[in-house]
Amino acid sequence: MYILKTQKMVSETKQLVKTESLGVTITNEVKDHGNDPYFVKKNKQAKAFIKKNGFPKELLLILKNRIPV
């Protein structure tokens, strides 16, 4: 089990939340890659693949029987 140390800093414009564990820092200050050409291309490819092949039947069955959270 890992213990997380959390630091919270409040600035004038926004709140910064940093979580450090095992030398890895997770923060809410990340760049938006939504319009990055690489991710736009991968999203387009994924949509075309799903349109052509559909979802696996096993996955649809699991999602259908899943207990709502």
N, C-alpha and C. Protein backbone atom coordinates (compact mmCIF):
# COMPACT_ATOMS: atom_id res chain seq x y z
N MET A 1 0.84 -1.18 0.00
CA MET A 1 0.00 0.00 0.00
C MET A 1 0.88 1.24 0.00
N TYR A 2 0.54 2.20 -0.83
CA TYR A 2 1.32 3.42 -0.94
C TYR A 2 0.63 4.55 -0.21
N ILE A 3 1.42 5.37 0.44
CA ILE A 3 0.87 6.52 1.15
C ILE A 3 1.09 7.75 0.28
N LEU A 4 0.02 8.50 0.05
CA LEU A 4 0.09 9.70 -0.77
C LEU A 4 0.24 10.92 0.12
N LYS A 5 1.13 11.82 -0.27
CA LYS A 5 1.26 13.11 0.40
C LYS A 5 0.60 14.14 -0.49
N THR A 6 -0.27 14.93 0.04
CA THR A 6 -1.00 15.92 -0.74
C THR A 6 -0.65 17.31 -0.26
N GLN A 7 -0.34 18.20 -1.21
CA GLN A 7 -0.07 19.59 -0.91
C GLN A 7 -1.09 20.42 -1.67
N LYS A 8 -1.66 21.41 -1.01
CA LYS A 8 -2.60 22.29 -1.67
C LYS A 8 -2.11 23.72 -1.53
N MET A 9 -2.05 24.43 -2.64
CA MET A 9 -1.62 25.81 -2.65
C MET A 9 -2.71 26.63 -3.34
N VAL A 10 -3.09 27.73 -2.75
CA VAL A 10 -4.13 28.57 -3.33
C VAL A 10 -3.47 29.84 -3.87
N SER A 11 -3.67 30.11 -5.15
CA SER A 11 -3.18 31.33 -5.74
C SER A 11 -4.35 32.27 -5.98
N GLU A 12 -4.06 33.45 -6.49
CA GLU A 12 -5.13 34.42 -6.72
C GLU A 12 -6.08 33.97 -7.83
N THR A 13 -5.59 33.24 -8.82
CA THR A 13 -6.42 32.88 -9.97
C THR A 13 -7.03 31.49 -9.88
N LYS A 14 -6.29 30.53 -9.34
CA LYS A 14 -6.81 29.17 -9.28
C LYS A 14 -6.13 28.39 -8.18
N GLN A 15 -6.69 27.24 -7.87
CA GLN A 15 -6.14 26.39 -6.84
C GLN A 15 -5.29 25.31 -7.49
N LEU A 16 -4.09 25.13 -6.97
CA LEU A 16 -3.18 24.11 -7.48
C LEU A 16 -3.20 22.94 -6.53
N VAL A 17 -3.45 21.75 -7.04
CA VAL A 17 -3.46 20.55 -6.22
C VAL A 17 -2.37 19.64 -6.74
N LYS A 18 -1.41 19.30 -5.87
CA LYS A 18 -0.33 18.41 -6.26
C LYS A 18 -0.36 17.19 -5.36
N THR A 19 -0.20 16.03 -5.94
CA THR A 19 -0.12 14.79 -5.19
C THR A 19 1.19 14.12 -5.56
N GLU A 20 1.98 13.77 -4.56
CA GLU A 20 3.26 13.14 -4.81
C GLU A 20 3.28 11.74 -4.21
N SER A 21 3.73 10.79 -5.00
CA SER A 21 3.85 9.42 -4.54
C SER A 21 4.95 8.74 -5.34
N LEU A 22 5.88 8.15 -4.65
CA LEU A 22 6.97 7.40 -5.28
C LEU A 22 7.72 8.23 -6.33
N GLY A 23 7.91 9.50 -6.06
CA GLY A 23 8.66 10.35 -6.97
C GLY A 23 7.88 10.83 -8.18
N VAL A 24 6.58 10.55 -8.26
CA VAL A 24 5.75 10.99 -9.37
C VAL A 24 4.82 12.07 -8.86
N THR A 25 4.74 13.18 -9.61
CA THR A 25 3.88 14.28 -9.23
C THR A 25 2.68 14.33 -10.16
N ILE A 26 1.49 14.37 -9.59
CA ILE A 26 0.25 14.50 -10.35
C ILE A 26 -0.30 15.88 -10.03
N THR A 27 -0.58 16.67 -11.05
CA THR A 27 -1.06 18.03 -10.84
C THR A 27 -2.22 18.33 -11.76
N ASN A 28 -2.99 19.35 -11.42
CA ASN A 28 -4.11 19.73 -12.26
C ASN A 28 -3.72 20.78 -13.29
N GLU A 29 -2.45 21.12 -13.38
CA GLU A 29 -1.97 22.06 -14.38
C GLU A 29 -1.35 21.28 -15.54
N VAL A 30 -2.16 20.87 -16.48
CA VAL A 30 -1.68 20.14 -17.65
C VAL A 30 -2.17 20.84 -18.91
N LYS A 31 -1.39 20.70 -19.96
CA LYS A 31 -1.74 21.30 -21.24
C LYS A 31 -2.89 20.52 -21.88
N ASP A 32 -3.79 21.23 -22.53
CA ASP A 32 -4.90 20.58 -23.23
C ASP A 32 -4.40 20.10 -24.59
N HIS A 33 -4.50 18.82 -24.83
CA HIS A 33 -4.05 18.23 -26.10
C HIS A 33 -5.23 17.89 -27.00
N GLY A 34 -6.39 18.43 -26.72
CA GLY A 34 -7.59 18.10 -27.48
C GLY A 34 -7.52 18.44 -28.95
N ASN A 35 -6.79 19.47 -29.31
CA ASN A 35 -6.69 19.88 -30.72
C ASN A 35 -5.33 19.56 -31.32
N ASP A 36 -4.51 18.81 -30.60
CA ASP A 36 -3.20 18.43 -31.10
C ASP A 36 -3.40 17.52 -32.32
N PRO A 37 -2.70 17.76 -33.43
CA PRO A 37 -2.90 16.97 -34.66
C PRO A 37 -2.75 15.47 -34.45
N TYR A 38 -1.83 15.04 -33.59
CA TYR A 38 -1.63 13.62 -33.34
C TYR A 38 -2.89 12.99 -32.75
N PHE A 39 -3.46 13.65 -31.73
CA PHE A 39 -4.64 13.10 -31.07
C PHE A 39 -5.89 13.22 -31.93
N VAL A 40 -5.97 14.26 -32.73
CA VAL A 40 -7.10 14.40 -33.65
C VAL A 40 -7.08 13.26 -34.66
N LYS A 41 -5.88 12.94 -35.17
CA LYS A 41 -5.73 11.85 -36.14
C LYS A 41 -6.10 10.50 -35.50
N LYS A 42 -5.60 10.25 -34.28
CA LYS A 42 -5.88 8.99 -33.59
C LYS A 42 -7.38 8.85 -33.29
N ASN A 43 -8.02 9.95 -32.90
CA ASN A 43 -9.45 9.92 -32.63
C ASN A 43 -10.24 9.59 -33.89
N LYS A 44 -9.83 10.19 -35.00
CA LYS A 44 -10.49 9.93 -36.28
C LYS A 44 -10.33 8.46 -36.68
N GLN A 45 -9.13 7.91 -36.49
CA GLN A 45 -8.88 6.50 -36.80
C GLN A 45 -9.71 5.59 -35.91
N ALA A 46 -9.83 5.92 -34.63
CA ALA A 46 -10.60 5.09 -33.70
C ALA A 46 -12.07 5.10 -34.07
N LYS A 47 -12.60 6.27 -34.42
CA LYS A 47 -14.01 6.35 -34.83
C LYS A 47 -14.27 5.53 -36.08
N ALA A 48 -13.35 5.59 -37.05
CA ALA A 48 -13.51 4.82 -38.28
C ALA A 48 -13.45 3.32 -38.00
N PHE A 49 -12.56 2.90 -37.09
CA PHE A 49 -12.43 1.49 -36.74
C PHE A 49 -13.71 0.98 -36.08
N ILE A 50 -14.24 1.75 -35.13
CA ILE A 50 -15.47 1.33 -34.44
C ILE A 50 -16.66 1.31 -35.40
N LYS A 51 -16.70 2.28 -36.30
CA LYS A 51 -17.79 2.32 -37.28
C LYS A 51 -17.73 1.09 -38.19
N LYS A 52 -16.52 0.69 -38.58
CA LYS A 52 -16.34 -0.45 -39.47
C LYS A 52 -16.57 -1.78 -38.74
N ASN A 53 -16.00 -1.94 -37.54
CA ASN A 53 -15.99 -3.23 -36.85
C ASN A 53 -16.99 -3.34 -35.70
N GLY A 54 -17.44 -2.22 -35.19
CA GLY A 54 -18.35 -2.25 -34.03
C GLY A 54 -17.61 -2.60 -32.75
N PHE A 55 -18.36 -2.59 -31.65
CA PHE A 55 -17.78 -2.96 -30.36
C PHE A 55 -17.80 -4.47 -30.23
N PRO A 56 -16.84 -5.04 -29.48
CA PRO A 56 -16.89 -6.48 -29.23
C PRO A 56 -18.16 -6.86 -28.47
N LYS A 57 -18.76 -7.98 -28.83
CA LYS A 57 -20.00 -8.42 -28.19
C LYS A 57 -19.80 -8.64 -26.69
N GLU A 58 -18.63 -9.14 -26.31
CA GLU A 58 -18.35 -9.38 -24.90
C GLU A 58 -18.38 -8.07 -24.11
N LEU A 59 -17.81 -7.02 -24.68
CA LEU A 59 -17.79 -5.72 -24.00
C LEU A 59 -19.21 -5.17 -23.86
N LEU A 60 -20.01 -5.28 -24.90
CA LEU A 60 -21.38 -4.80 -24.83
C LEU A 60 -22.17 -5.56 -23.77
N LEU A 61 -21.92 -6.86 -23.64
CA LEU A 61 -22.60 -7.67 -22.64
C LEU A 61 -22.19 -7.23 -21.23
N ILE A 62 -20.90 -6.99 -21.04
CA ILE A 62 -20.42 -6.53 -19.73
C ILE A 62 -21.04 -5.17 -19.38
N LEU A 63 -21.05 -4.27 -20.34
CA LEU A 63 -21.62 -2.95 -20.07
C LEU A 63 -23.11 -3.01 -19.81
N LYS A 64 -23.80 -3.92 -20.48
CA LYS A 64 -25.24 -4.07 -20.30
C LYS A 64 -25.57 -4.57 -18.89
N ASN A 65 -24.76 -5.49 -18.38
CA ASN A 65 -25.00 -6.11 -17.07
C ASN A 65 -24.32 -5.37 -15.92
N ARG A 66 -23.65 -4.31 -16.20
CA ARG A 66 -22.89 -3.58 -15.19
C ARG A 66 -23.84 -2.88 -14.21
N ILE A 67 -23.45 -2.91 -12.97
CA ILE A 67 -24.24 -2.25 -11.93
C ILE A 67 -23.93 -0.75 -11.99
N PRO A 68 -24.96 0.09 -12.07
CA PRO A 68 -24.72 1.54 -12.14
C PRO A 68 -24.02 2.04 -10.88
N VAL A 69 -23.10 2.95 -11.10
CA VAL A 69 -22.35 3.51 -9.97
C VAL A 69 -22.95 4.82 -9.56
